[in-house]
Amino acid sequence: MKTYYGIDVGGTTVKIGYFSETELLEKWEIPTDKSDGGRNIISDIARSLRGAADGAAIGVPGAVLMDGTVNHCVNLGWGVCRPGDEFTALTGIPCRMCNDANAAAFGEQWQGGGVGFSSILLVTLGTGVGGGLTIDERIVVGAHGACGEIGHINVEHNETEPCNCGRHGCLEQYCSATGISRLARKAGLGSFTSKEIFDMAAEGSEDAVAVVDQACDYLGRGLAAACTVTDPDAIVIGGGVSRAGEFLRLRAEAAFQKYAFHACRETVIGLANLGNDAGMYGCARLAMLEPEPEPNPV
């Protein structure tokens, strides 16, 4: 039986899964040691492994190029580096690298909310808004490792407050957990978490419903813009905000239909179901694939 490691490196913990070609066999976590510029992270992972495997892949919260180069990962303290090479040198296990949101998209496509679709756009609504794209069951990285950064699509030209990226009017400012709370404060509703706002809306608060509808209108606008470029079979909504379930999905779907280009209106909108394990699953699936062929020289 061939086995693989799917490794999802977060700012607090590293989630590690030991997989066969069809299922998760075992999973565990270790703390993420960000001291000394994160130089101990890979060696800590290597020491925690259960033994040899046929391959591994590591997902990280930063831009990752096609050749496995990490183009800065601020949350881990990394600059431009090649942690997959270090992992292989320590373990002897072939290793690939990917962005964590892209890995989550791949995981949801393999065994989550995107099963049955060859191309999906995963949108994660958490503290921020992230995303990942798969086309023909392959992760799409982009020339600069930024493919899927849906949270920074501009959806509001009149915004005066800056986004964390430094620009104004990004989707993240309205549809993330913090963005929804911000909309509530601006509407005079008070200081509430996004979950509290959704709970109040579900209980019939007209003010809370108005905030949710506003957030979902922005979300539908951003999804429509993304689909005009990517045209996936399905959009899968994940992240902590997605726990609002159908209450969120139906509103996002209605807004998407309002803004979508006519050829994209059949795009399925569903919910993620692997939770925090999605990145781990996606990394394992990536480890199983044959490398992309090198392009022929011109």
C-alpha atoms as a PDB file:
ATOM      1  CA  MET A   1       0.000   0.000   0.000  1.00  0.00           C
ATOM      2  CA  LYS A   2       1.350   3.390  -0.969  1.00  0.00           C
ATOM      3  CA  THR A   3       1.213   6.075   1.709  1.00  0.00           C
ATOM      4  CA  TYR A   4       1.498   9.857   1.715  1.00  0.00           C
ATOM      5  CA  TYR A   5       1.770  12.757   4.128  1.00  0.00           C
ATOM      6  CA  GLY A   6      -0.496  15.780   3.802  1.00  0.00           C
ATOM      7  CA  ILE A   7       0.931  18.634   5.867  1.00  0.00           C
ATOM      8  CA  ASP A   8      -0.888  21.918   6.484  1.00  0.00           C
ATOM      9  CA  VAL A   9       1.283  24.547   8.184  1.00  0.00           C
ATOM     10  CA  GLY A  10      -0.688  27.195  10.057  1.00  0.00           C
ATOM     11  CA  GLY A  11       0.418  30.082  12.189  1.00  0.00           C
ATOM     12  CA  THR A  12      -0.367  28.209  15.420  1.00  0.00           C
ATOM     13  CA  THR A  13      -0.313  24.504  14.608  1.00  0.00           C
ATOM     14  CA  VAL A  14       0.842  22.132  11.885  1.00  0.00           C
ATOM     15  CA  LYS A  15      -1.796  19.564  10.896  1.00  0.00           C
ATOM     16  CA  ILE A  16      -0.308  16.320   9.585  1.00  0.00           C
ATOM     17  CA  GLY A  17      -2.249  13.494   7.972  1.00  0.00           C
ATOM     18  CA  TYR A  18      -1.002  10.034   7.010  1.00  0.00           C
ATOM     19  CA  PHE A  19      -2.985   8.796   4.013  1.00  0.00           C
ATOM     20  CA  SER A  20      -3.413   5.790   1.788  1.00  0.00           C
ATOM     21  CA  GLU A  21      -4.409   6.445  -1.814  1.00  0.00           C
ATOM     22  CA  THR A  22      -8.061   6.555  -0.784  1.00  0.00           C
ATOM     23  CA  GLU A  23      -8.399   7.585   2.863  1.00  0.00           C
ATOM     24  CA  LEU A  24      -6.970   9.243   5.941  1.00  0.00           C
ATOM     25  CA  LEU A  25      -5.257   6.671   8.155  1.00  0.00           C
ATOM     26  CA  GLU A  26      -4.111   8.885  11.033  1.00  0.00           C
ATOM     27  CA  LYS A  27      -3.775  12.568  11.863  1.00  0.00           C
ATOM     28  CA  TRP A  28      -2.041  14.658  14.510  1.00  0.00           C
ATOM     29  CA  GLU A  29      -0.866  18.186  15.233  1.00  0.00           C
ATOM     30  CA  ILE A  30       2.319  19.833  16.434  1.00  0.00           C
ATOM     31  CA  PRO A  31       2.888  23.459  17.476  1.00  0.00           C
ATOM     32  CA  THR A  32       4.231  25.832  14.835  1.00  0.00           C
ATOM     33  CA  ASP A  33       7.564  27.128  16.131  1.00  0.00           C
ATOM     34  CA  LYS A  34       7.890  30.581  14.565  1.00  0.00           C
ATOM     35  CA  SER A  35      10.964  31.537  16.593  1.00  0.00           C
ATOM     36  CA  ASP A  36      14.211  32.353  14.825  1.00  0.00           C
ATOM     37  CA  GLY A  37      12.465  33.148  11.553  1.00  0.00           C
ATOM     38  CA  GLY A  38      10.597  29.830  11.474  1.00  0.00           C
ATOM     39  CA  ARG A  39      13.756  27.862  10.805  1.00  0.00           C
ATOM     40  CA  ASN A  40      12.693  24.946  13.030  1.00  0.00           C
ATOM     41  CA  ILE A  41       9.324  24.293  11.399  1.00  0.00           C
ATOM     42  CA  ILE A  42      10.426  21.748   8.797  1.00  0.00           C
ATOM     43  CA  SER A  43      12.727  19.845  11.155  1.00  0.00           C
ATOM     44  CA  ASP A  44       9.923  19.676  13.748  1.00  0.00           C
ATOM     45  CA  ILE A  45       7.623  18.201  11.104  1.00  0.00           C
ATOM     46  CA  ALA A  46      10.248  15.666  10.045  1.00  0.00           C
ATOM     47  CA  ARG A  47      10.725  14.462  13.631  1.00  0.00           C
ATOM     48  CA  SER A  48       6.978  13.972  14.093  1.00  0.00           C
ATOM     49  CA  LEU A  49       6.471  11.648  11.109  1.00  0.00           C
ATOM     50  CA  ARG A  50       5.414   8.038  11.587  1.00  0.00           C
ATOM     51  CA  GLY A  51       7.927   6.656   9.108  1.00  0.00           C
ATOM     52  CA  ALA A  52       8.654   6.394   5.395  1.00  0.00           C
ATOM     53  CA  ALA A  53       6.100   7.307   2.745  1.00  0.00           C
ATOM     54  CA  ASP A  54       5.878   7.485  -1.030  1.00  0.00           C
ATOM     55  CA  GLY A  55       5.390  11.238  -1.092  1.00  0.00           C
ATOM     56  CA  ALA A  56       4.395  14.346   0.803  1.00  0.00           C
ATOM     57  CA  ALA A  57       3.151  17.840   0.180  1.00  0.00           C
ATOM     58  CA  ILE A  58       3.222  20.875   2.439  1.00  0.00           C
ATOM     59  CA  GLY A  59       0.714  23.734   2.332  1.00  0.00           C
ATOM     60  CA  VAL A  60       1.728  27.134   3.699  1.00  0.00           C
ATOM     61  CA  PRO A  61      -0.018  30.532   4.125  1.00  0.00           C
ATOM     62  CA  GLY A  62       1.917  32.335   1.419  1.00  0.00           C
ATOM     63  CA  ALA A  63       2.532  32.514  -2.314  1.00  0.00           C
ATOM     64  CA  VAL A  64       4.086  29.346  -3.757  1.00  0.00           C
ATOM     65  CA  LEU A  65       5.427  29.158  -7.296  1.00  0.00           C
ATOM     66  CA  MET A  66       5.118  26.159  -9.607  1.00  0.00           C
ATOM     67  CA  ASP A  67       8.669  25.024  -8.879  1.00  0.00           C
ATOM     68  CA  GLY A  68       8.009  24.848  -5.119  1.00  0.00           C
ATOM     69  CA  THR A  69       9.628  28.157  -4.206  1.00  0.00           C
ATOM     70  CA  VAL A  70       7.844  29.948  -1.362  1.00  0.00           C
ATOM     71  CA  ASN A  71       7.698  33.643  -2.235  1.00  0.00           C
ATOM     72  CA  HIS A  72       7.565  34.984   1.331  1.00  0.00           C
ATOM     73  CA  CYS A  73       5.378  33.660   4.114  1.00  0.00           C
ATOM     74  CA  VAL A  74       5.079  36.466   6.627  1.00  0.00           C
ATOM     75  CA  ASN A  75       3.013  34.524   9.167  1.00  0.00           C
ATOM     76  CA  LEU A  76       5.794  31.955   9.491  1.00  0.00           C
ATOM     77  CA  GLY A  77       8.721  34.339   9.297  1.00  0.00           C
ATOM     78  CA  TRP A  78       9.909  32.945   5.957  1.00  0.00           C
ATOM     79  CA  GLY A  79      11.292  34.934   3.060  1.00  0.00           C
ATOM     80  CA  VAL A  80      12.003  33.378  -0.338  1.00  0.00           C
ATOM     81  CA  CYS A  81      12.881  29.749   0.389  1.00  0.00           C
ATOM     82  CA  ARG A  82      12.480  26.122  -0.672  1.00  0.00           C
ATOM     83  CA  PRO A  83      11.221  24.205   2.382  1.00  0.00           C
ATOM     84  CA  GLY A  84      10.248  21.163   0.321  1.00  0.00           C
ATOM     85  CA  ASP A  85      13.910  20.572  -0.504  1.00  0.00           C
ATOM     86  CA  GLU A  86      14.790  20.758   3.188  1.00  0.00           C
ATOM     87  CA  PHE A  87      12.019  18.280   4.018  1.00  0.00           C
ATOM     88  CA  THR A  88      13.278  15.787   1.417  1.00  0.00           C
ATOM     89  CA  ALA A  89      16.865  16.171   2.611  1.00  0.00           C
ATOM     90  CA  LEU A  90      15.777  15.346   6.172  1.00  0.00           C
ATOM     91  CA  THR A  91      13.356  12.504   5.406  1.00  0.00           C
ATOM     92  CA  GLY A  92      14.191  11.108   1.976  1.00  0.00           C
ATOM     93  CA  ILE A  93      10.528  11.595   1.022  1.00  0.00           C
ATOM     94  CA  PRO A  94       9.738  13.472  -2.212  1.00  0.00           C
ATOM     95  CA  CYS A  95       7.897  16.665  -1.313  1.00  0.00           C
ATOM     96  CA  ARG A  96       5.826  19.249  -3.147  1.00  0.00           C
ATOM     97  CA  MET A  97       4.782  22.693  -1.922  1.00  0.00           C
ATOM     98  CA  CYS A  98       1.544  24.630  -2.331  1.00  0.00           C
ATOM     99  CA  ASN A  99      -0.420  27.532  -0.942  1.00  0.00           C
ATOM    100  CA  ASP A 100      -2.736  26.497   1.900  1.00  0.00           C
ATOM    101  CA  ALA A 101      -5.916  27.851   0.274  1.00  0.00           C
ATOM    102  CA  ASN A 102      -5.100  26.060  -2.993  1.00  0.00           C
ATOM    103  CA  ALA A 103      -4.514  22.897  -0.975  1.00  0.00           C
ATOM    104  CA  ALA A 104      -7.896  23.310   0.721  1.00  0.00           C
ATOM    105  CA  ALA A 105      -9.563  23.663  -2.689  1.00  0.00           C
ATOM    106  CA  PHE A 106      -7.891  20.473  -3.856  1.00  0.00           C
ATOM    107  CA  GLY A 107      -8.971  18.666  -0.696  1.00  0.00           C
ATOM    108  CA  GLU A 108     -12.586  19.738  -1.054  1.00  0.00           C
ATOM    109  CA  GLN A 109     -12.543  18.605  -4.679  1.00  0.00           C
ATOM    110  CA  TRP A 110     -11.073  15.212  -3.770  1.00  0.00           C
ATOM    111  CA  GLN A 111     -13.209  14.253  -0.766  1.00  0.00           C
ATOM    112  CA  GLY A 112     -15.297  17.268   0.260  1.00  0.00           C
ATOM    113  CA  GLY A 113     -17.895  19.673  -1.049  1.00  0.00           C
ATOM    114  CA  GLY A 114     -16.424  19.666  -4.571  1.00  0.00           C
ATOM    115  CA  VAL A 115     -16.622  15.922  -5.216  1.00  0.00           C
ATOM    116  CA  GLY A 116     -17.855  15.188  -8.729  1.00  0.00           C
ATOM    117  CA  PHE A 117     -16.667  18.450 -10.261  1.00  0.00           C
ATOM    118  CA  SER A 118     -13.516  18.743 -12.356  1.00  0.00           C
ATOM    119  CA  SER A 119     -13.049  22.477 -11.695  1.00  0.00           C
ATOM    120  CA  ILE A 120     -13.923  24.331  -8.504  1.00  0.00           C
ATOM    121  CA  LEU A 121     -13.357  27.714  -6.936  1.00  0.00           C
ATOM    122  CA  LEU A 122     -13.058  27.456  -3.164  1.00  0.00           C
ATOM    123  CA  VAL A 123     -13.837  30.641  -1.248  1.00  0.00           C
ATOM    124  CA  THR A 124     -12.898  30.696   2.429  1.00  0.00           C
ATOM    125  CA  LEU A 125     -14.723  33.207   4.602  1.00  0.00           C
ATOM    126  CA  GLY A 126     -12.782  33.481   7.839  1.00  0.00           C
ATOM    127  CA  THR A 127     -10.808  36.255   9.507  1.00  0.00           C
ATOM    128  CA  GLY A 128     -10.015  37.214   5.922  1.00  0.00           C
ATOM    129  CA  VAL A 129     -11.290  35.965   2.576  1.00  0.00           C
ATOM    130  CA  GLY A 130      -9.101  33.495   0.723  1.00  0.00           C
ATOM    131  CA  GLY A 131      -9.548  31.153  -2.165  1.00  0.00           C
ATOM    132  CA  GLY A 132      -8.133  28.441  -4.334  1.00  0.00           C
ATOM    133  CA  LEU A 133      -8.819  27.282  -7.863  1.00  0.00           C
ATOM    134  CA  THR A 134      -8.644  23.872  -9.515  1.00  0.00           C
ATOM    135  CA  ILE A 135      -9.085  23.323 -13.242  1.00  0.00           C
ATOM    136  CA  ASP A 136      -9.347  19.808 -14.684  1.00  0.00           C
ATOM    137  CA  GLU A 137      -8.442  18.397 -11.251  1.00  0.00           C
ATOM    138  CA  ARG A 138      -5.191  20.361 -11.042  1.00  0.00           C
ATOM    139  CA  ILE A 139      -4.322  23.240  -8.742  1.00  0.00           C
ATOM    140  CA  VAL A 140      -3.892  26.536 -10.592  1.00  0.00           C
ATOM    141  CA  VAL A 141      -1.083  28.596  -9.068  1.00  0.00           C
ATOM    142  CA  GLY A 142      -0.655  31.545 -11.422  1.00  0.00           C
ATOM    143  CA  ALA A 143       2.496  33.275 -12.585  1.00  0.00           C
ATOM    144  CA  HIS A 144       3.114  34.890  -9.182  1.00  0.00           C
ATOM    145  CA  GLY A 145       1.493  32.329  -6.879  1.00  0.00           C
ATOM    146  CA  ALA A 146      -1.527  34.593  -6.344  1.00  0.00           C
ATOM    147  CA  CYS A 147      -4.272  32.695  -8.173  1.00  0.00           C
ATOM    148  CA  GLY A 148      -7.417  32.416  -6.061  1.00  0.00           C
ATOM    149  CA  GLU A 149      -6.881  35.571  -3.988  1.00  0.00           C
ATOM    150  CA  ILE A 150     -10.543  36.400  -4.390  1.00  0.00           C
ATOM    151  CA  GLY A 151     -10.581  38.420  -1.170  1.00  0.00           C
ATOM    152  CA  HIS A 152      -8.839  41.266  -2.936  1.00  0.00           C
ATOM    153  CA  ILE A 153     -11.235  41.686  -5.829  1.00  0.00           C
ATOM    154  CA  ASN A 154     -12.444  45.280  -5.682  1.00  0.00           C
ATOM    155  CA  VAL A 155     -16.200  45.374  -5.092  1.00  0.00           C
ATOM    156  CA  GLU A 156     -16.680  48.898  -3.727  1.00  0.00           C
ATOM    157  CA  HIS A 157     -15.178  51.999  -5.337  1.00  0.00           C
ATOM    158  CA  ASN A 158     -16.325  54.416  -2.633  1.00  0.00           C
ATOM    159  CA  GLU A 159     -14.638  52.758   0.351  1.00  0.00           C
ATOM    160  CA  THR A 160     -12.514  55.098   2.488  1.00  0.00           C
ATOM    161  CA  GLU A 161     -11.156  52.618   5.051  1.00  0.00           C
ATOM    162  CA  PRO A 162      -8.128  50.586   3.927  1.00  0.00           C
ATOM    163  CA  CYS A 163      -8.056  46.823   3.607  1.00  0.00           C
ATOM    164  CA  ASN A 164      -5.218  44.910   5.285  1.00  0.00           C
ATOM    165  CA  CYS A 165      -3.570  44.769   1.853  1.00  0.00           C
ATOM    166  CA  GLY A 166      -3.449  48.581   1.772  1.00  0.00           C
ATOM    167  CA  ARG A 167      -6.015  49.058  -0.973  1.00  0.00           C
ATOM    168  CA  HIS A 168      -9.671  50.040  -0.577  1.00  0.00           C
ATOM    169  CA  GLY A 169     -12.951  48.267  -1.296  1.00  0.00           C
ATOM    170  CA  CYS A 170     -11.705  44.655  -1.281  1.00  0.00           C
ATOM    171  CA  LEU A 171     -14.228  41.828  -0.911  1.00  0.00           C
ATOM    172  CA  GLU A 172     -12.496  40.867   2.348  1.00  0.00           C
ATOM    173  CA  GLN A 173     -13.672  44.126   3.923  1.00  0.00           C
ATOM    174  CA  TYR A 174     -17.318  43.042   3.640  1.00  0.00           C
ATOM    175  CA  CYS A 175     -17.543  39.242   3.606  1.00  0.00           C
ATOM    176  CA  SER A 176     -14.943  38.059   6.104  1.00  0.00           C
ATOM    177  CA  ALA A 177     -15.935  37.491   9.729  1.00  0.00           C
ATOM    178  CA  THR A 178     -14.301  40.793  10.636  1.00  0.00           C
ATOM    179  CA  GLY A 179     -15.844  42.481   7.599  1.00  0.00           C
ATOM    180  CA  ILE A 180     -19.372  41.411   8.536  1.00  0.00           C
ATOM    181  CA  SER A 181     -18.834  42.715  12.077  1.00  0.00           C
ATOM    182  CA  ARG A 182     -17.610  45.978  10.564  1.00  0.00           C
ATOM    183  CA  LEU A 183     -20.746  46.283   8.420  1.00  0.00           C
ATOM    184  CA  ALA A 184     -22.859  45.784  11.539  1.00  0.00           C
ATOM    185  CA  ARG A 185     -21.037  48.541  13.411  1.00  0.00           C
ATOM    186  CA  LYS A 186     -21.379  50.930  10.473  1.00  0.00           C
ATOM    187  CA  ALA A 187     -25.105  50.147  10.346  1.00  0.00           C
ATOM    188  CA  GLY A 188     -25.456  51.058  14.036  1.00  0.00           C
ATOM    189  CA  LEU A 189     -26.208  47.487  15.087  1.00  0.00           C
ATOM    190  CA  GLY A 190     -23.378  47.392  17.634  1.00  0.00           C
ATOM    191  CA  SER A 191     -20.318  45.226  18.187  1.00  0.00           C
ATOM    192  CA  PHE A 192     -21.145  41.604  17.405  1.00  0.00           C
ATOM    193  CA  THR A 193     -19.295  38.645  15.957  1.00  0.00           C
ATOM    194  CA  SER A 194     -20.322  37.420  12.524  1.00  0.00           C
ATOM    195  CA  LYS A 195     -21.849  34.322  14.145  1.00  0.00           C
ATOM    196  CA  GLU A 196     -23.948  36.470  16.451  1.00  0.00           C
ATOM    197  CA  ILE A 197     -25.109  38.535  13.490  1.00  0.00           C
ATOM    198  CA  PHE A 198     -26.168  35.436  11.545  1.00  0.00           C
ATOM    199  CA  ASP A 199     -27.885  34.018  14.635  1.00  0.00           C
ATOM    200  CA  MET A 200     -29.823  37.260  15.135  1.00  0.00           C
ATOM    201  CA  ALA A 201     -30.763  37.303  11.455  1.00  0.00           C
ATOM    202  CA  ALA A 202     -32.011  33.706  11.624  1.00  0.00           C
ATOM    203  CA  GLU A 203     -34.119  34.686  14.642  1.00  0.00           C
ATOM    204  CA  GLY A 204     -35.768  37.459  12.643  1.00  0.00           C
ATOM    205  CA  SER A 205     -33.848  40.637  13.480  1.00  0.00           C
ATOM    206  CA  GLU A 206     -34.495  42.942  10.527  1.00  0.00           C
ATOM    207  CA  ASP A 207     -31.325  44.931  11.216  1.00  0.00           C
ATOM    208  CA  ALA A 208     -29.208  41.773  11.260  1.00  0.00           C
ATOM    209  CA  VAL A 209     -30.883  40.461   8.103  1.00  0.00           C
ATOM    210  CA  ALA A 210     -30.014  43.738   6.369  1.00  0.00           C
ATOM    211  CA  VAL A 211     -26.341  43.330   7.326  1.00  0.00           C
ATOM    212  CA  VAL A 212     -26.271  39.701   6.144  1.00  0.00           C
ATOM    213  CA  ASP A 213     -27.952  40.652   2.876  1.00  0.00           C
ATOM    214  CA  GLN A 214     -25.438  43.446   2.342  1.00  0.00           C
ATOM    215  CA  ALA A 215     -22.505  41.092   2.939  1.00  0.00           C
ATOM    216  CA  CYS A 216     -23.990  38.451   0.644  1.00  0.00           C
ATOM    217  CA  ASP A 217     -24.629  41.039  -2.061  1.00  0.00           C
ATOM    218  CA  TYR A 218     -20.926  41.908  -2.031  1.00  0.00           C
ATOM    219  CA  LEU A 219     -20.070  38.200  -1.983  1.00  0.00           C
ATOM    220  CA  GLY A 220     -22.266  37.519  -5.005  1.00  0.00           C
ATOM    221  CA  ARG A 221     -20.636  40.415  -6.832  1.00  0.00           C
ATOM    222  CA  GLY A 222     -17.138  39.089  -6.096  1.00  0.00           C
ATOM    223  CA  LEU A 223     -18.042  35.528  -7.071  1.00  0.00           C
ATOM    224  CA  ALA A 224     -19.561  36.730 -10.344  1.00  0.00           C
ATOM    225  CA  ALA A 225     -16.390  38.652 -11.169  1.00  0.00           C
ATOM    226  CA  ALA A 226     -14.197  35.642 -10.356  1.00  0.00           C
ATOM    227  CA  CYS A 227     -16.295  33.291 -12.475  1.00  0.00           C
ATOM    228  CA  THR A 228     -16.077  35.549 -15.495  1.00  0.00           C
ATOM    229  CA  VAL A 229     -12.355  34.775 -15.502  1.00  0.00           C
ATOM    230  CA  THR A 230     -12.201  31.211 -14.129  1.00  0.00           C
ATOM    231  CA  ASP A 231     -15.596  29.683 -15.146  1.00  0.00           C
ATOM    232  CA  PRO A 232     -15.509  26.725 -12.710  1.00  0.00           C
ATOM    233  CA  ASP A 233     -18.093  23.940 -12.523  1.00  0.00           C
ATOM    234  CA  ALA A 234     -18.790  24.835  -8.908  1.00  0.00           C
ATOM    235  CA  ILE A 235     -18.066  27.376  -6.199  1.00  0.00           C
ATOM    236  CA  VAL A 236     -17.511  25.871  -2.748  1.00  0.00           C
ATOM    237  CA  ILE A 237     -17.874  28.211   0.236  1.00  0.00           C
ATOM    238  CA  GLY A 238     -15.826  27.343   3.328  1.00  0.00           C
ATOM    239  CA  GLY A 239     -14.272  29.018   6.347  1.00  0.00           C
ATOM    240  CA  GLY A 240     -15.842  29.829   9.704  1.00  0.00           C
ATOM    241  CA  VAL A 241     -18.565  32.067   8.256  1.00  0.00           C
ATOM    242  CA  SER A 242     -19.800  29.149   6.132  1.00  0.00           C
ATOM    243  CA  ARG A 243     -21.118  27.503   9.311  1.00  0.00           C
ATOM    244  CA  ALA A 244     -24.178  29.680   8.730  1.00  0.00           C
ATOM    245  CA  GLY A 245     -25.018  27.000   6.161  1.00  0.00           C
ATOM    246  CA  GLU A 246     -27.978  27.341   3.856  1.00  0.00           C
ATOM    247  CA  PHE A 247     -28.923  30.713   5.358  1.00  0.00           C
ATOM    248  CA  LEU A 248     -25.696  32.062   3.851  1.00  0.00           C
ATOM    249  CA  ARG A 249     -25.531  29.893   0.738  1.00  0.00           C
ATOM    250  CA  LEU A 250     -29.003  30.732  -0.556  1.00  0.00           C
ATOM    251  CA  ARG A 251     -28.411  34.468  -0.182  1.00  0.00           C
ATOM    252  CA  ALA A 252     -24.996  34.261  -1.820  1.00  0.00           C
ATOM    253  CA  GLU A 253     -26.497  32.238  -4.671  1.00  0.00           C
ATOM    254  CA  ALA A 254     -29.280  34.793  -5.230  1.00  0.00           C
ATOM    255  CA  ALA A 255     -26.772  37.653  -5.321  1.00  0.00           C
ATOM    256  CA  PHE A 256     -24.508  35.693  -7.663  1.00  0.00           C
ATOM    257  CA  GLN A 257     -27.395  35.208 -10.078  1.00  0.00           C
ATOM    258  CA  LYS A 258     -28.006  38.962 -10.039  1.00  0.00           C
ATOM    259  CA  TYR A 259     -24.435  39.812 -11.055  1.00  0.00           C
ATOM    260  CA  ALA A 260     -23.216  36.788 -13.034  1.00  0.00           C
ATOM    261  CA  PHE A 261     -22.501  36.831 -16.754  1.00  0.00           C
ATOM    262  CA  HIS A 262     -25.268  34.808 -18.418  1.00  0.00           C
ATOM    263  CA  ALA A 263     -22.956  31.963 -19.451  1.00  0.00           C
ATOM    264  CA  CYS A 264     -21.867  31.464 -15.811  1.00  0.00           C
ATOM    265  CA  ARG A 265     -25.295  31.343 -14.180  1.00  0.00           C
ATOM    266  CA  GLU A 266     -25.393  27.540 -14.130  1.00  0.00           C
ATOM    267  CA  THR A 267     -22.382  27.453 -11.793  1.00  0.00           C
ATOM    268  CA  VAL A 268     -23.243  25.342  -8.756  1.00  0.00           C
ATOM    269  CA  ILE A 269     -22.742  27.006  -5.370  1.00  0.00           C
ATOM    270  CA  GLY A 270     -22.223  24.635  -2.456  1.00  0.00           C
ATOM    271  CA  LEU A 271     -20.693  24.410   1.006  1.00  0.00           C
ATOM    272  CA  ALA A 272     -17.354  22.946   2.047  1.00  0.00           C
ATOM    273  CA  ASN A 273     -17.483  19.992   4.430  1.00  0.00           C
ATOM    274  CA  LEU A 274     -13.905  19.040   5.365  1.00  0.00           C
ATOM    275  CA  GLY A 275     -13.486  21.928   7.807  1.00  0.00           C
ATOM    276  CA  ASN A 276      -9.961  22.552   9.034  1.00  0.00           C
ATOM    277  CA  ASP A 277      -8.774  19.264   7.519  1.00  0.00           C
ATOM    278  CA  ALA A 278      -9.273  20.419   3.914  1.00  0.00           C
ATOM    279  CA  GLY A 279      -5.690  21.623   3.456  1.00  0.00           C
ATOM    280  CA  MET A 280      -4.291  18.397   4.816  1.00  0.00           C
ATOM    281  CA  TYR A 281      -6.432  16.354   2.403  1.00  0.00           C
ATOM    282  CA  GLY A 282      -5.437  18.559  -0.523  1.00  0.00           C
ATOM    283  CA  CYS A 283      -1.745  18.232   0.239  1.00  0.00           C
ATOM    284  CA  ALA A 284      -2.040  14.455   0.402  1.00  0.00           C
ATOM    285  CA  ARG A 285      -3.820  14.403  -2.954  1.00  0.00           C
ATOM    286  CA  LEU A 286      -1.159  16.645  -4.468  1.00  0.00           C
ATOM    287  CA  ALA A 287       1.553  14.285  -3.205  1.00  0.00           C
ATOM    288  CA  MET A 288      -0.095  11.424  -5.085  1.00  0.00           C
ATOM    289  CA  LEU A 289      -0.027  13.115  -8.494  1.00  0.00           C
ATOM    290  CA  GLU A 290       2.639  12.768 -11.112  1.00  0.00           C
ATOM    291  CA  PRO A 291       4.644  16.001 -11.555  1.00  0.00           C
ATOM    292  CA  GLU A 292       3.590  18.278 -14.390  1.00  0.00           C
ATOM    293  CA  PRO A 293       5.734  17.695 -17.489  1.00  0.00           C
ATOM    294  CA  GLU A 294       8.411  20.261 -18.229  1.00  0.00           C
ATOM    295  CA  PRO A 295       7.474  22.530 -21.154  1.00  0.00           C
ATOM    296  CA  ASN A 296       9.262  21.835 -24.427  1.00  0.00           C
ATOM    297  CA  PRO A 297      11.951  24.398 -25.240  1.00  0.00           C
ATOM    298  CA  VAL A 298      11.026  26.744 -28.083  1.00  0.00           C
END
